Amino acid sequence: MINTKSIKDNNEFQKVLKQGKWYGADFICMYVQKNNLEINQIGLAIGKKAGKAYRRNHIKRLIRASYTVLEKDMEVGYNIVFTWKSNAEYENCTFDEINGDVSKMLKKAGILR
């Protein structure tokens, strides 16, 4: 990851989730808030409704990989939190679909150039 740091603090997560702008796609949702830094900070919140730990970790890996692929074409200065839609089917999910969702939402938010 070039210009990225993880959001680990619960207060930061909650701030982005409450005050950030929401974007939705087929499998995931994204909350975005400006952070006035020279880096992007990302957080992943995958609830237990998504499945057991190995499924949640797989979903996180797919989202991180998609973000990493798109990162070179992104603006900096944002806090971004990705969440999994509780009604989304894990079995039907592929990297291409996750990548499509992430790129679609980043374009909507004006972060992806």
PDB file of N, CA and C in Angstrom:
ATOM      1  N   MET A   1       0.828  -1.174   0.000  1.00  0.00           N
ATOM      2  CA  MET A   1       0.000   0.000   0.000  1.00  0.00           C
ATOM      3  C   MET A   1       0.878   1.243   0.000  1.00  0.00           C
ATOM      4  N   ILE A   2       0.637   2.114  -0.939  1.00  0.00           N
ATOM      5  CA  ILE A   2       1.492   3.263  -1.159  1.00  0.00           C
ATOM      6  C   ILE A   2       1.237   4.364  -0.128  1.00  0.00           C
ATOM      7  N   ASN A   3       0.054   4.926  -0.135  1.00  0.00           N
ATOM      8  CA  ASN A   3      -0.274   6.043   0.749  1.00  0.00           C
ATOM      9  C   ASN A   3      -1.431   5.672   1.652  1.00  0.00           C
ATOM     10  N   THR A   4      -1.322   4.547   2.352  1.00  0.00           N
ATOM     11  CA  THR A   4      -2.448   4.058   3.123  1.00  0.00           C
ATOM     12  C   THR A   4      -2.023   3.623   4.510  1.00  0.00           C
ATOM     13  N   LYS A   5      -2.894   3.879   5.454  1.00  0.00           N
ATOM     14  CA  LYS A   5      -2.728   3.426   6.823  1.00  0.00           C
ATOM     15  C   LYS A   5      -4.058   2.806   7.243  1.00  0.00           C
ATOM     16  N   SER A   6      -4.022   1.827   8.123  1.00  0.00           N
ATOM     17  CA  SER A   6      -5.252   1.193   8.605  1.00  0.00           C
ATOM     18  C   SER A   6      -5.874   2.003   9.725  1.00  0.00           C
ATOM     19  N   ILE A   7      -7.190   2.010   9.760  1.00  0.00           N
ATOM     20  CA  ILE A   7      -7.917   2.599  10.883  1.00  0.00           C
ATOM     21  C   ILE A   7      -8.101   1.475  11.895  1.00  0.00           C
ATOM     22  N   LYS A   8      -7.548   1.655  13.072  1.00  0.00           N
ATOM     23  CA  LYS A   8      -7.637   0.623  14.108  1.00  0.00           C
ATOM     24  C   LYS A   8      -8.469   1.091  15.306  1.00  0.00           C
ATOM     25  N   ASP A   9      -8.495   2.379  15.553  1.00  0.00           N
ATOM     26  CA  ASP A   9      -9.176   2.929  16.721  1.00  0.00           C
ATOM     27  C   ASP A   9     -10.685   2.941  16.509  1.00  0.00           C
ATOM     28  N   ASN A  10     -11.433   2.417  17.485  1.00  0.00           N
ATOM     29  CA  ASN A  10     -12.884   2.343  17.371  1.00  0.00           C
ATOM     30  C   ASN A  10     -13.509   3.731  17.227  1.00  0.00           C
ATOM     31  N   ASN A  11     -12.944   4.728  17.904  1.00  0.00           N
ATOM     32  CA  ASN A  11     -13.494   6.088  17.802  1.00  0.00           C
ATOM     33  C   ASN A  11     -13.389   6.620  16.375  1.00  0.00           C
ATOM     34  N   GLU A  12     -12.273   6.324  15.701  1.00  0.00           N
ATOM     35  CA  GLU A  12     -12.121   6.757  14.308  1.00  0.00           C
ATOM     36  C   GLU A  12     -13.141   6.053  13.413  1.00  0.00           C
ATOM     37  N   PHE A  13     -13.313   4.737  13.638  1.00  0.00           N
ATOM     38  CA  PHE A  13     -14.315   3.981  12.882  1.00  0.00           C
ATOM     39  C   PHE A  13     -15.685   4.620  13.036  1.00  0.00           C
ATOM     40  N   GLN A  14     -16.077   4.840  14.279  1.00  0.00           N
ATOM     41  CA  GLN A  14     -17.408   5.382  14.559  1.00  0.00           C
ATOM     42  C   GLN A  14     -17.589   6.768  13.956  1.00  0.00           C
ATOM     43  N   LYS A  15     -16.539   7.579  13.991  1.00  0.00           N
ATOM     44  CA  LYS A  15     -16.609   8.927  13.417  1.00  0.00           C
ATOM     45  C   LYS A  15     -16.879   8.860  11.915  1.00  0.00           C
ATOM     46  N   VAL A  16     -16.155   7.959  11.213  1.00  0.00           N
ATOM     47  CA  VAL A  16     -16.356   7.824   9.765  1.00  0.00           C
ATOM     48  C   VAL A  16     -17.750   7.269   9.477  1.00  0.00           C
ATOM     49  N   LEU A  17     -18.186   6.274  10.253  1.00  0.00           N
ATOM     50  CA  LEU A  17     -19.493   5.665  10.023  1.00  0.00           C
ATOM     51  C   LEU A  17     -20.633   6.643  10.277  1.00  0.00           C
ATOM     52  N   LYS A  18     -20.470   7.538  11.261  1.00  0.00           N
ATOM     53  CA  LYS A  18     -21.540   8.479  11.594  1.00  0.00           C
ATOM     54  C   LYS A  18     -21.512   9.745  10.746  1.00  0.00           C
ATOM     55  N   GLN A  19     -20.305  10.258  10.467  1.00  0.00           N
ATOM     56  CA  GLN A  19     -20.198  11.550   9.796  1.00  0.00           C
ATOM     57  C   GLN A  19     -19.837  11.438   8.319  1.00  0.00           C
ATOM     58  N   GLY A  20     -19.380  10.266   7.894  1.00  0.00           N
ATOM     59  CA  GLY A  20     -18.930  10.101   6.515  1.00  0.00           C
ATOM     60  C   GLY A  20     -20.083   9.957   5.532  1.00  0.00           C
ATOM     61  N   LYS A  21     -19.776  10.145   4.277  1.00  0.00           N
ATOM     62  CA  LYS A  21     -20.761   9.981   3.206  1.00  0.00           C
ATOM     63  C   LYS A  21     -20.822   8.507   2.826  1.00  0.00           C
ATOM     64  N   TRP A  22     -22.032   7.997   2.610  1.00  0.00           N
ATOM     65  CA  TRP A  22     -22.271   6.583   2.357  1.00  0.00           C
ATOM     66  C   TRP A  22     -22.420   6.311   0.858  1.00  0.00           C
ATOM     67  N   TYR A  23     -21.804   5.212   0.404  1.00  0.00           N
ATOM     68  CA  TYR A  23     -21.955   4.738  -0.969  1.00  0.00           C
ATOM     69  C   TYR A  23     -22.203   3.241  -0.908  1.00  0.00           C
ATOM     70  N   GLY A  24     -23.118   2.756  -1.734  1.00  0.00           N
ATOM     71  CA  GLY A  24     -23.439   1.334  -1.710  1.00  0.00           C
ATOM     72  C   GLY A  24     -23.246   0.680  -3.062  1.00  0.00           C
ATOM     73  N   ALA A  25     -23.012  -0.618  -3.036  1.00  0.00           N
ATOM     74  CA  ALA A  25     -22.882  -1.432  -4.247  1.00  0.00           C
ATOM     75  C   ALA A  25     -23.540  -2.783  -3.957  1.00  0.00           C
ATOM     76  N   ASP A  26     -23.270  -3.768  -4.782  1.00  0.00           N
ATOM     77  CA  ASP A  26     -23.932  -5.061  -4.654  1.00  0.00           C
ATOM     78  C   ASP A  26     -23.550  -5.804  -3.383  1.00  0.00           C
ATOM     79  N   PHE A  27     -22.261  -5.879  -3.066  1.00  0.00           N
ATOM     80  CA  PHE A  27     -21.786  -6.673  -1.941  1.00  0.00           C
ATOM     81  C   PHE A  27     -21.313  -5.853  -0.758  1.00  0.00           C
ATOM     82  N   ILE A  28     -20.757  -4.663  -1.028  1.00  0.00           N
ATOM     83  CA  ILE A  28     -20.168  -3.876   0.052  1.00  0.00           C
ATOM     84  C   ILE A  28     -20.687  -2.441   0.053  1.00  0.00           C
ATOM     85  N   CYS A  29     -20.517  -1.790   1.203  1.00  0.00           N
ATOM     86  CA  CYS A  29     -20.838  -0.371   1.356  1.00  0.00           C
ATOM     87  C   CYS A  29     -19.553   0.349   1.737  1.00  0.00           C
ATOM     88  N   MET A  30     -19.520   1.635   1.472  1.00  0.00           N
ATOM     89  CA  MET A  30     -18.326   2.415   1.754  1.00  0.00           C
ATOM     90  C   MET A  30     -18.738   3.731   2.398  1.00  0.00           C
ATOM     91  N   TYR A  31     -18.030   4.103   3.447  1.00  0.00           N
ATOM     92  CA  TYR A  31     -18.207   5.389   4.104  1.00  0.00           C
ATOM     93  C   TYR A  31     -16.921   6.177   3.914  1.00  0.00           C
ATOM     94  N   VAL A  32     -17.051   7.441   3.497  1.00  0.00           N
ATOM     95  CA  VAL A  32     -15.877   8.262   3.177  1.00  0.00           C
ATOM     96  C   VAL A  32     -15.954   9.583   3.930  1.00  0.00           C
ATOM     97  N   GLN A  33     -14.806   9.981   4.482  1.00  0.00           N
ATOM     98  CA  GLN A  33     -14.708  11.263   5.164  1.00  0.00           C
ATOM     99  C   GLN A  33     -13.327  11.848   4.901  1.00  0.00           C
ATOM    100  N   LYS A  34     -13.269  13.144   4.640  1.00  0.00           N
ATOM    101  CA  LYS A  34     -11.968  13.804   4.456  1.00  0.00           C
ATOM    102  C   LYS A  34     -11.192  13.768   5.763  1.00  0.00           C
ATOM    103  N   ASN A  35      -9.843  13.603   5.655  1.00  0.00           N
ATOM    104  CA  ASN A  35      -9.026  13.566   6.871  1.00  0.00           C
ATOM    105  C   ASN A  35      -7.917  14.619   6.883  1.00  0.00           C
ATOM    106  N   ASN A  36      -7.763  15.393   5.830  1.00  0.00           N
ATOM    107  CA  ASN A  36      -6.756  16.464   5.746  1.00  0.00           C
ATOM    108  C   ASN A  36      -5.338  15.982   6.003  1.00  0.00           C
ATOM    109  N   LEU A  37      -5.043  14.743   5.621  1.00  0.00           N
ATOM    110  CA  LEU A  37      -3.697  14.191   5.720  1.00  0.00           C
ATOM    111  C   LEU A  37      -3.199  13.893   4.310  1.00  0.00           C
ATOM    112  N   GLU A  38      -1.952  13.545   4.202  1.00  0.00           N
ATOM    113  CA  GLU A  38      -1.363  13.209   2.902  1.00  0.00           C
ATOM    114  C   GLU A  38      -1.482  11.719   2.588  1.00  0.00           C
ATOM    115  N   ILE A  39      -2.308  11.012   3.346  1.00  0.00           N
ATOM    116  CA  ILE A  39      -2.512   9.582   3.131  1.00  0.00           C
ATOM    117  C   ILE A  39      -3.994   9.253   3.235  1.00  0.00           C
ATOM    118  N   ASN A  40      -4.368   8.103   2.705  1.00  0.00           N
ATOM    119  CA  ASN A  40      -5.693   7.551   2.936  1.00  0.00           C
ATOM    120  C   ASN A  40      -5.595   6.578   4.100  1.00  0.00           C
ATOM    121  N   GLN A  41      -6.656   6.525   4.889  1.00  0.00           N
ATOM    122  CA  GLN A  41      -6.740   5.551   5.962  1.00  0.00           C
ATOM    123  C   GLN A  41      -7.955   4.680   5.675  1.00  0.00           C
ATOM    124  N   ILE A  42      -7.767   3.352   5.689  1.00  0.00           N
ATOM    125  CA  ILE A  42      -8.904   2.481   5.402  1.00  0.00           C
ATOM    126  C   ILE A  42      -9.186   1.579   6.593  1.00  0.00           C
ATOM    127  N   GLY A  43     -10.446   1.245   6.730  1.00  0.00           N
ATOM    128  CA  GLY A  43     -10.893   0.317   7.759  1.00  0.00           C
ATOM    129  C   GLY A  43     -11.848  -0.684   7.130  1.00  0.00           C
ATOM    130  N   LEU A  44     -11.860  -1.878   7.672  1.00  0.00           N
ATOM    131  CA  LEU A  44     -12.738  -2.940   7.189  1.00  0.00           C
ATOM    132  C   LEU A  44     -13.595  -3.415   8.350  1.00  0.00           C
ATOM    133  N   ALA A  45     -14.901  -3.359   8.197  1.00  0.00           N
ATOM    134  CA  ALA A  45     -15.829  -3.807   9.232  1.00  0.00           C
ATOM    135  C   ALA A  45     -16.727  -4.869   8.612  1.00  0.00           C
ATOM    136  N   ILE A  46     -16.393  -6.126   8.869  1.00  0.00           N
ATOM    137  CA  ILE A  46     -17.156  -7.243   8.330  1.00  0.00           C
ATOM    138  C   ILE A  46     -17.829  -7.930   9.508  1.00  0.00           C
ATOM    139  N   GLY A  47     -19.153  -7.825   9.588  1.00  0.00           N
ATOM    140  CA  GLY A  47     -19.889  -8.367  10.724  1.00  0.00           C
ATOM    141  C   GLY A  47     -19.997  -9.883  10.706  1.00  0.00           C
ATOM    142  N   LYS A  48     -20.387 -10.436  11.841  1.00  0.00           N
ATOM    143  CA  LYS A  48     -20.491 -11.887  11.974  1.00  0.00           C
ATOM    144  C   LYS A  48     -21.589 -12.492  11.101  1.00  0.00           C
ATOM    145  N   LYS A  49     -22.524 -11.680  10.636  1.00  0.00           N
ATOM    146  CA  LYS A  49     -23.563 -12.191   9.738  1.00  0.00           C
ATOM    147  C   LYS A  49     -22.985 -12.630   8.398  1.00  0.00           C
ATOM    148  N   ALA A  50     -21.785 -12.163   8.093  1.00  0.00           N
ATOM    149  CA  ALA A  50     -21.130 -12.550   6.837  1.00  0.00           C
ATOM    150  C   ALA A  50     -20.671 -14.000   6.885  1.00  0.00           C
ATOM    151  N   GLY A  51     -20.548 -14.561   8.074  1.00  0.00           N
ATOM    152  CA  GLY A  51     -20.142 -15.960   8.190  1.00  0.00           C
ATOM    153  C   GLY A  51     -19.058 -16.154   9.226  1.00  0.00           C
ATOM    154  N   LYS A  52     -18.484 -17.325   9.197  1.00  0.00           N
ATOM    155  CA  LYS A  52     -17.437 -17.679  10.153  1.00  0.00           C
ATOM    156  C   LYS A  52     -16.167 -16.880   9.845  1.00  0.00           C
ATOM    157  N   ALA A  53     -15.188 -16.980  10.756  1.00  0.00           N
ATOM    158  CA  ALA A  53     -13.976 -16.158  10.672  1.00  0.00           C
ATOM    159  C   ALA A  53     -13.249 -16.323   9.350  1.00  0.00           C
ATOM    160  N   TYR A  54     -13.149 -17.547   8.835  1.00  0.00           N
ATOM    161  CA  TYR A  54     -12.416 -17.730   7.578  1.00  0.00           C
ATOM    162  C   TYR A  54     -13.098 -17.013   6.420  1.00  0.00           C
ATOM    163  N   ARG A  55     -14.434 -16.932   6.440  1.00  0.00           N
ATOM    164  CA  ARG A  55     -15.136 -16.189   5.388  1.00  0.00           C
ATOM    165  C   ARG A  55     -14.919 -14.689   5.548  1.00  0.00           C
ATOM    166  N   ARG A  56     -15.028 -14.210   6.771  1.00  0.00           N
ATOM    167  CA  ARG A  56     -14.823 -12.776   7.003  1.00  0.00           C
ATOM    168  C   ARG A  56     -13.411 -12.370   6.622  1.00  0.00           C
ATOM    169  N   ASN A  57     -12.423 -13.179   6.957  1.00  0.00           N
ATOM    170  CA  ASN A  57     -11.045 -12.874   6.591  1.00  0.00           C
ATOM    171  C   ASN A  57     -10.841 -12.917   5.085  1.00  0.00           C
ATOM    172  N   HIS A  58     -11.495 -13.851   4.410  1.00  0.00           N
ATOM    173  CA  HIS A  58     -11.402 -13.918   2.948  1.00  0.00           C
ATOM    174  C   HIS A  58     -11.995 -12.664   2.314  1.00  0.00           C
ATOM    175  N   ILE A  59     -13.124 -12.223   2.830  1.00  0.00           N
ATOM    176  CA  ILE A  59     -13.751 -10.992   2.328  1.00  0.00           C
ATOM    177  C   ILE A  59     -12.804  -9.806   2.522  1.00  0.00           C
ATOM    178  N   LYS A  60     -12.182  -9.720   3.697  1.00  0.00           N
ATOM    179  CA  LYS A  60     -11.238  -8.625   3.966  1.00  0.00           C
ATOM    180  C   LYS A  60     -10.062  -8.664   2.998  1.00  0.00           C
ATOM    181  N   ARG A  61      -9.541  -9.865   2.743  1.00  0.00           N
ATOM    182  CA  ARG A  61      -8.415  -9.986   1.805  1.00  0.00           C
ATOM    183  C   ARG A  61      -8.817  -9.536   0.406  1.00  0.00           C
ATOM    184  N   LEU A  62     -10.033  -9.904  -0.025  1.00  0.00           N
ATOM    185  CA  LEU A  62     -10.500  -9.497  -1.354  1.00  0.00           C
ATOM    186  C   LEU A  62     -10.627  -7.972  -1.444  1.00  0.00           C
ATOM    187  N   ILE A  63     -11.187  -7.355  -0.417  1.00  0.00           N
ATOM    188  CA  ILE A  63     -11.362  -5.897  -0.432  1.00  0.00           C
ATOM    189  C   ILE A  63     -10.004  -5.197  -0.415  1.00  0.00           C
ATOM    190  N   ARG A  64      -9.078  -5.665   0.450  1.00  0.00           N
ATOM    191  CA  ARG A  64      -7.737  -5.071   0.500  1.00  0.00           C
ATOM    192  C   ARG A  64      -7.015  -5.211  -0.837  1.00  0.00           C
ATOM    193  N   ALA A  65      -7.129  -6.394  -1.465  1.00  0.00           N
ATOM    194  CA  ALA A  65      -6.465  -6.616  -2.753  1.00  0.00           C
ATOM    195  C   ALA A  65      -7.040  -5.684  -3.814  1.00  0.00           C
ATOM    196  N   SER A  66      -8.346  -5.528  -3.817  1.00  0.00           N
ATOM    197  CA  SER A  66      -8.979  -4.629  -4.782  1.00  0.00           C
ATOM    198  C   SER A  66      -8.528  -3.191  -4.553  1.00  0.00           C
ATOM    199  N   TYR A  67      -8.494  -2.769  -3.294  1.00  0.00           N
ATOM    200  CA  TYR A  67      -8.055  -1.418  -2.965  1.00  0.00           C
ATOM    201  C   TYR A  67      -6.620  -1.201  -3.429  1.00  0.00           C
ATOM    202  N   THR A  68      -5.752  -2.190  -3.195  1.00  0.00           N
ATOM    203  CA  THR A  68      -4.345  -2.081  -3.570  1.00  0.00           C
ATOM    204  C   THR A  68      -4.187  -1.934  -5.081  1.00  0.00           C
ATOM    205  N   VAL A  69      -5.006  -2.660  -5.840  1.00  0.00           N
ATOM    206  CA  VAL A  69      -4.953  -2.567  -7.304  1.00  0.00           C
ATOM    207  C   VAL A  69      -5.332  -1.164  -7.766  1.00  0.00           C
ATOM    208  N   LEU A  70      -6.326  -0.575  -7.114  1.00  0.00           N
ATOM    209  CA  LEU A  70      -6.840   0.734  -7.536  1.00  0.00           C
ATOM    210  C   LEU A  70      -6.097   1.918  -6.917  1.00  0.00           C
ATOM    211  N   GLU A  71      -5.286   1.661  -5.904  1.00  0.00           N
ATOM    212  CA  GLU A  71      -4.680   2.726  -5.104  1.00  0.00           C
ATOM    213  C   GLU A  71      -3.851   3.733  -5.897  1.00  0.00           C
ATOM    214  N   LYS A  72      -3.137   3.275  -6.905  1.00  0.00           N
ATOM    215  CA  LYS A  72      -2.258   4.177  -7.660  1.00  0.00           C
ATOM    216  C   LYS A  72      -3.044   5.262  -8.404  1.00  0.00           C
ATOM    217  N   ASP A  73      -4.335   5.039  -8.640  1.00  0.00           N
ATOM    218  CA  ASP A  73      -5.161   6.001  -9.366  1.00  0.00           C
ATOM    219  C   ASP A  73      -6.091   6.787  -8.443  1.00  0.00           C
ATOM    220  N   MET A  74      -5.789   6.805  -7.142  1.00  0.00           N
ATOM    221  CA  MET A  74      -6.688   7.438  -6.181  1.00  0.00           C
ATOM    222  C   MET A  74      -6.145   8.748  -5.650  1.00  0.00           C
ATOM    223  N   GLU A  75      -7.069   9.625  -5.296  1.00  0.00           N
ATOM    224  CA  GLU A  75      -6.742  10.851  -4.568  1.00  0.00           C
ATOM    225  C   GLU A  75      -6.393  10.462  -3.133  1.00  0.00           C
ATOM    226  N   VAL A  76      -5.653  11.316  -2.431  1.00  0.00           N
ATOM    227  CA  VAL A  76      -5.322  11.050  -1.025  1.00  0.00           C
ATOM    228  C   VAL A  76      -6.021  12.063  -0.131  1.00  0.00           C
ATOM    229  N   GLY A  77      -6.087  11.753   1.163  1.00  0.00           N
ATOM    230  CA  GLY A  77      -6.692  12.663   2.121  1.00  0.00           C
ATOM    231  C   GLY A  77      -8.058  12.217   2.591  1.00  0.00           C
ATOM    232  N   TYR A  78      -8.314  10.901   2.618  1.00  0.00           N
ATOM    233  CA  TYR A  78      -9.626  10.388   2.991  1.00  0.00           C
ATOM    234  C   TYR A  78      -9.512   9.262   4.009  1.00  0.00           C
ATOM    235  N   ASN A  79     -10.515   9.182   4.884  1.00  0.00           N
ATOM    236  CA  ASN A  79     -10.741   8.009   5.715  1.00  0.00           C
ATOM    237  C   ASN A  79     -11.843   7.212   5.022  1.00  0.00           C
ATOM    238  N   ILE A  80     -11.607   5.942   4.784  1.00  0.00           N
ATOM    239  CA  ILE A  80     -12.554   5.095   4.057  1.00  0.00           C
ATOM    240  C   ILE A  80     -12.805   3.838   4.883  1.00  0.00           C
ATOM    241  N   VAL A  81     -14.075   3.548   5.139  1.00  0.00           N
ATOM    242  CA  VAL A  81     -14.446   2.318   5.835  1.00  0.00           C
ATOM    243  C   VAL A  81     -15.330   1.497   4.913  1.00  0.00           C
ATOM    244  N   PHE A  82     -14.934   0.243   4.709  1.00  0.00           N
ATOM    245  CA  PHE A  82     -15.712  -0.690   3.899  1.00  0.00           C
ATOM    246  C   PHE A  82     -16.475  -1.629   4.827  1.00  0.00           C
ATOM    247  N   THR A  83     -17.754  -1.846   4.548  1.00  0.00           N
ATOM    248  CA  THR A  83     -18.558  -2.798   5.307  1.00  0.00           C
ATOM    249  C   THR A  83     -19.205  -3.781   4.335  1.00  0.00           C
ATOM    250  N   TRP A  84     -19.464  -4.980   4.824  1.00  0.00           N
ATOM    251  CA  TRP A  84     -20.098  -6.031   4.025  1.00  0.00           C
ATOM    252  C   TRP A  84     -21.600  -5.950   4.225  1.00  0.00           C
ATOM    253  N   LYS A  85     -22.374  -6.012   3.143  1.00  0.00           N
ATOM    254  CA  LYS A  85     -23.826  -6.015   3.273  1.00  0.00           C
ATOM    255  C   LYS A  85     -24.270  -7.345   3.869  1.00  0.00           C
ATOM    256  N   SER A  86     -25.075  -7.284   4.903  1.00  0.00           N
ATOM    257  CA  SER A  86     -25.452  -8.502   5.617  1.00  0.00           C
ATOM    258  C   SER A  86     -26.292  -9.447   4.759  1.00  0.00           C
ATOM    259  N   ASN A  87     -26.980  -8.918   3.750  1.00  0.00           N
ATOM    260  CA  ASN A  87     -27.795  -9.784   2.897  1.00  0.00           C
ATOM    261  C   ASN A  87     -27.042 -10.274   1.658  1.00  0.00           C
ATOM    262  N   ALA A  88     -25.784  -9.920   1.512  1.00  0.00           N
ATOM    263  CA  ALA A  88     -24.987 -10.335   0.350  1.00  0.00           C
ATOM    264  C   ALA A  88     -24.557 -11.790   0.507  1.00  0.00           C
ATOM    265  N   GLU A  89     -24.615 -12.528  -0.576  1.00  0.00           N
ATOM    266  CA  GLU A  89     -24.237 -13.942  -0.563  1.00  0.00           C
ATOM    267  C   GLU A  89     -22.736 -14.092  -0.745  1.00  0.00           C
ATOM    268  N   TYR A  90     -22.078 -14.673   0.235  1.00  0.00           N
ATOM    269  CA  TYR A  90     -20.633 -14.887   0.171  1.00  0.00           C
ATOM    270  C   TYR A  90     -20.272 -15.852  -0.952  1.00  0.00           C
ATOM    271  N   GLU A  91     -21.082 -16.880  -1.160  1.00  0.00           N
ATOM    272  CA  GLU A  91     -20.768 -17.923  -2.140  1.00  0.00           C
ATOM    273  C   GLU A  91     -20.698 -17.371  -3.568  1.00  0.00           C
ATOM    274  N   ASN A  92     -21.458 -16.336  -3.836  1.00  0.00           N
ATOM    275  CA  ASN A  92     -21.515 -15.765  -5.190  1.00  0.00           C
ATOM    276  C   ASN A  92     -20.452 -14.695  -5.423  1.00  0.00           C
ATOM    277  N   CYS A  93     -19.617 -14.451  -4.436  1.00  0.00           N
ATOM    278  CA  CYS A  93     -18.692 -13.333  -4.479  1.00  0.00           C
ATOM    279  C   CYS A  93     -17.338 -13.747  -5.065  1.00  0.00           C
ATOM    280  N   THR A  94     -16.860 -12.997  -6.066  1.00  0.00           N
ATOM    281  CA  THR A  94     -15.539 -13.229  -6.643  1.00  0.00           C
ATOM    282  C   THR A  94     -14.724 -11.941  -6.542  1.00  0.00           C
ATOM    283  N   PHE A  95     -13.416 -12.050  -6.804  1.00  0.00           N
ATOM    284  CA  PHE A  95     -12.569 -10.859  -6.771  1.00  0.00           C
ATOM    285  C   PHE A  95     -13.050  -9.826  -7.790  1.00  0.00           C
ATOM    286  N   ASP A  96     -13.439 -10.269  -8.980  1.00  0.00           N
ATOM    287  CA  ASP A  96     -13.880  -9.330 -10.013  1.00  0.00           C
ATOM    288  C   ASP A  96     -15.110  -8.543  -9.565  1.00  0.00           C
ATOM    289  N   GLU A  97     -16.035  -9.205  -8.860  1.00  0.00           N
ATOM    290  CA  GLU A  97     -17.230  -8.509  -8.395  1.00  0.00           C
ATOM    291  C   GLU A  97     -16.879  -7.511  -7.288  1.00  0.00           C
ATOM    292  N   ILE A  98     -16.009  -7.924  -6.363  1.00  0.00           N
ATOM    293  CA  ILE A  98     -15.571  -7.010  -5.296  1.00  0.00           C
ATOM    294  C   ILE A  98     -14.823  -5.827  -5.898  1.00  0.00           C
ATOM    295  N   ASN A  99     -13.925  -6.103  -6.839  1.00  0.00           N
ATOM    296  CA  ASN A  99     -13.163  -5.039  -7.491  1.00  0.00           C
ATOM    297  C   ASN A  99     -14.107  -4.082  -8.218  1.00  0.00           C
ATOM    298  N   GLY A 100     -15.111  -4.617  -8.871  1.00  0.00           N
ATOM    299  CA  GLY A 100     -16.103  -3.779  -9.541  1.00  0.00           C
ATOM    300  C   GLY A 100     -16.852  -2.896  -8.564  1.00  0.00           C
ATOM    301  N   ASP A 101     -17.258  -3.483  -7.423  1.00  0.00           N
ATOM    302  CA  ASP A 101     -17.964  -2.708  -6.397  1.00  0.00           C
ATOM    303  C   ASP A 101     -17.083  -1.584  -5.856  1.00  0.00           C
ATOM    304  N   VAL A 102     -15.843  -1.912  -5.509  1.00  0.00           N
ATOM    305  CA  VAL A 102     -14.937  -0.913  -4.929  1.00  0.00           C
ATOM    306  C   VAL A 102     -14.669   0.210  -5.930  1.00  0.00           C
ATOM    307  N   SER A 103     -14.374  -0.143  -7.178  1.00  0.00           N
ATOM    308  CA  SER A 103     -14.076   0.901  -8.166  1.00  0.00           C
ATOM    309  C   SER A 103     -15.312   1.758  -8.460  1.00  0.00           C
ATOM    310  N   LYS A 104     -16.490   1.139  -8.507  1.00  0.00           N
ATOM    311  CA  LYS A 104     -17.719   1.886  -8.757  1.00  0.00           C
ATOM    312  C   LYS A 104     -17.970   2.904  -7.636  1.00  0.00           C
ATOM    313  N   MET A 105     -17.785   2.476  -6.394  1.00  0.00           N
ATOM    314  CA  MET A 105     -18.033   3.389  -5.274  1.00  0.00           C
ATOM    315  C   MET A 105     -16.976   4.487  -5.194  1.00  0.00           C
ATOM    316  N   LEU A 106     -15.708   4.140  -5.450  1.00  0.00           N
ATOM    317  CA  LEU A 106     -14.659   5.159  -5.426  1.00  0.00           C
ATOM    318  C   LEU A 106     -14.867   6.197  -6.525  1.00  0.00           C
ATOM    319  N   LYS A 107     -15.359   5.757  -7.688  1.00  0.00           N
ATOM    320  CA  LYS A 107     -15.666   6.713  -8.759  1.00  0.00           C
ATOM    321  C   LYS A 107     -16.820   7.625  -8.354  1.00  0.00           C
ATOM    322  N   LYS A 108     -17.859   7.047  -7.754  1.00  0.00           N
ATOM    323  CA  LYS A 108     -19.001   7.835  -7.299  1.00  0.00           C
ATOM    324  C   LYS A 108     -18.580   8.899  -6.284  1.00  0.00           C
ATOM    325  N   ALA A 109     -17.635   8.513  -5.423  1.00  0.00           N
ATOM    326  CA  ALA A 109     -17.171   9.426  -4.384  1.00  0.00           C
ATOM    327  C   ALA A 109     -16.202  10.477  -4.918  1.00  0.00           C
ATOM    328  N   GLY A 110     -15.718  10.296  -6.148  1.00  0.00           N
ATOM    329  CA  GLY A 110     -14.771  11.234  -6.733  1.00  0.00           C
ATOM    330  C   GLY A 110     -13.346  11.025  -6.255  1.00  0.00           C
ATOM    331  N   ILE A 111     -13.058   9.852  -5.700  1.00  0.00           N
ATOM    332  CA  ILE A 111     -11.711   9.554  -5.194  1.00  0.00           C
ATOM    333  C   ILE A 111     -10.858   8.908  -6.269  1.00  0.00           C
ATOM    334  N   LEU A 112     -11.482   8.113  -7.108  1.00  0.00           N
ATOM    335  CA  LEU A 112     -10.740   7.419  -8.169  1.00  0.00           C
ATOM    336  C   LEU A 112     -10.647   8.340  -9.379  1.00  0.00           C
ATOM    337  N   ARG A 113      -9.423   8.573  -9.844  1.00  0.00           N
ATOM    338  CA  ARG A 113      -9.210   9.469 -10.994  1.00  0.00           C
ATOM    339  C   ARG A 113      -9.603   8.793 -12.282  1.00  0.00           C
TER     340      ARG A 113
END
